[in-house]
Amino acid sequence: MDCLGFLNWVGIQHGILERKHWYYTRNPDPRVFVAGLSEHLIRKPKSAIEVGDVLYFKDRYWCHVGIVTDYRHGGFGVIHAKPGESGVKGLRVLGSVVEHHLDAEWYRRAVMAFEIPGIVRD
């Protein structure tokens, strides 16, 4: 499972997203990736994130998404699917879903935030 597959699975399990085709490839074009997110989610300022929002991470080499969580040790966290490493250059294997603190470095990498339509906030 990759990051968009995880996002889609969570949304389907909670009845807030329908199965979507996100139009991306193994090495996605960031413009196409963001266009797909913008088609299905509601963009919002990164400074206004809440639990359940989606963060879009980008740096020079990759695009990625994760879901904002209420981190068990305080503050925000992010849960996302990450690829595994095979030890062979360029070959990725099945990865895992991880949650960690949304620290300053991960917050910096987040270049956009989105709200999932249909989330009911407390």
Protein backbone atom coordinates (compact mmCIF):
# COMPACT_ATOMS: atom_id res chain seq x y z
CA MET A 1 0.00 0.00 0.00
CA ASP A 2 1.27 3.47 -0.81
CA CYS A 3 0.36 6.85 0.67
CA LEU A 4 -2.65 7.52 -1.58
CA GLY A 5 -3.85 3.96 -1.23
CA PHE A 6 -3.77 4.36 2.55
CA LEU A 7 -5.62 7.70 2.39
CA ASN A 8 -8.25 6.17 0.12
CA TRP A 9 -8.62 3.06 2.33
CA VAL A 10 -9.12 5.15 5.49
CA GLY A 11 -11.70 7.34 3.74
CA ILE A 12 -13.64 4.34 2.43
CA GLN A 13 -13.59 2.61 5.84
CA HIS A 14 -15.12 5.70 7.44
CA GLY A 15 -17.59 6.37 4.64
CA ILE A 16 -16.12 9.79 3.82
CA LEU A 17 -14.41 9.03 0.50
CA GLU A 18 -15.53 6.97 -2.42
CA ARG A 19 -13.08 4.76 -4.24
CA LYS A 20 -11.06 7.16 -6.39
CA HIS A 21 -8.53 6.82 -9.15
CA TRP A 22 -5.89 9.34 -8.16
CA TYR A 23 -4.07 9.52 -11.53
CA TYR A 24 -0.49 9.11 -10.50
CA THR A 25 2.41 6.91 -11.41
CA ARG A 26 5.33 5.45 -9.49
CA ASN A 27 7.22 8.74 -10.03
CA PRO A 28 4.31 11.18 -10.04
CA ASP A 29 4.31 14.58 -11.65
CA PRO A 30 3.70 16.97 -8.72
CA ARG A 31 1.25 19.06 -10.77
CA VAL A 32 -0.89 16.02 -11.57
CA PHE A 33 -0.61 14.77 -7.99
CA VAL A 34 -1.85 18.11 -6.57
CA ALA A 35 -4.58 18.38 -9.22
CA GLY A 36 -5.90 14.99 -8.10
CA LEU A 37 -5.86 16.03 -4.45
CA SER A 38 -7.58 19.32 -5.30
CA GLU A 39 -10.28 17.49 -7.25
CA HIS A 40 -11.30 15.35 -4.26
CA LEU A 41 -10.29 17.39 -1.20
CA ILE A 42 -10.70 20.99 0.01
CA ARG A 43 -7.50 23.02 0.19
CA LYS A 44 -6.87 25.01 3.37
CA PRO A 45 -4.00 26.99 4.91
CA LYS A 46 -1.32 24.77 6.42
CA SER A 47 -1.39 26.95 9.53
CA ALA A 48 -5.04 25.90 10.11
CA ILE A 49 -4.55 22.11 10.15
CA GLU A 50 -6.74 19.95 12.35
CA VAL A 51 -6.81 16.26 13.17
CA GLY A 52 -8.07 14.38 10.12
CA ASP A 53 -6.68 16.79 7.56
CA VAL A 54 -4.36 15.65 4.78
CA LEU A 55 -0.88 17.10 4.35
CA TYR A 56 0.88 17.09 0.99
CA PHE A 57 4.63 16.72 1.40
CA LYS A 58 7.04 17.63 -1.35
CA ASP A 59 10.72 18.03 -1.72
CA ARG A 60 13.06 17.91 -4.66
CA TYR A 61 12.64 14.18 -5.22
CA TRP A 62 9.20 13.05 -4.08
CA CYS A 63 5.53 13.80 -3.40
CA HIS A 64 3.72 12.23 -0.45
CA VAL A 65 0.56 12.54 1.66
CA GLY A 66 -0.27 11.79 5.27
CA ILE A 67 -3.19 12.26 7.64
CA VAL A 68 -2.87 14.60 10.64
CA THR A 69 -3.39 12.85 13.98
CA ASP A 70 -3.68 13.77 17.64
CA TYR A 71 -0.25 12.48 18.61
CA ARG A 72 -0.23 10.38 21.78
CA HIS A 73 2.75 12.29 23.21
CA GLY A 74 1.21 15.71 22.55
CA GLY A 75 0.77 17.98 19.56
CA PHE A 76 0.04 16.79 16.07
CA GLY A 77 1.25 13.60 14.49
CA VAL A 78 1.08 12.27 10.96
CA ILE A 79 0.12 8.78 9.86
CA HIS A 80 1.19 7.65 6.41
CA ALA A 81 2.27 4.68 4.36
CA LYS A 82 5.95 4.59 3.57
CA PRO A 83 7.75 2.36 1.11
CA GLY A 84 10.11 -0.32 2.26
CA GLU A 85 13.69 -0.49 1.13
CA SER A 86 14.98 -3.63 -0.53
CA GLY A 87 18.67 -2.90 -0.29
CA VAL A 88 18.80 -2.80 -4.10
CA LYS A 89 19.11 0.70 -5.52
CA GLY A 90 15.79 1.83 -7.00
CA LEU A 91 13.83 -1.26 -5.88
CA ARG A 92 11.17 -0.63 -3.31
CA VAL A 93 9.26 -3.34 -1.52
CA LEU A 94 6.07 -3.45 0.52
CA GLY A 95 6.31 -0.82 3.20
CA SER A 96 4.40 -0.05 6.34
CA VAL A 97 1.97 2.41 7.84
CA VAL A 98 3.62 4.56 10.49
CA GLU A 99 2.64 7.37 12.83
CA HIS A 100 5.11 9.84 14.26
CA HIS A 101 5.26 13.35 15.66
CA LEU A 102 4.69 16.14 13.14
CA ASP A 103 7.95 17.79 14.08
CA ALA A 104 9.45 20.94 12.58
CA GLU A 105 11.15 19.04 9.75
CA TRP A 106 7.99 17.22 8.66
CA TYR A 107 5.95 20.43 9.03
CA ARG A 108 8.44 22.21 6.74
CA ARG A 109 8.09 19.46 4.14
CA ALA A 110 4.30 19.89 4.17
CA VAL A 111 3.64 22.40 1.42
CA MET A 112 -0.17 22.14 1.31
CA ALA A 113 -3.02 21.07 3.56
CA PHE A 114 -6.42 19.70 2.61
CA GLU A 115 -9.65 18.90 4.41
CA ILE A 116 -11.51 15.72 3.56
CA PRO A 117 -15.15 16.55 2.71
CA GLY A 118 -17.58 14.92 5.12
CA ILE A 119 -15.40 14.81 8.23
CA VAL A 120 -17.43 15.74 11.31
CA ARG A 121 -15.32 17.60 13.84
CA ASP A 122 -16.01 17.49 17.59
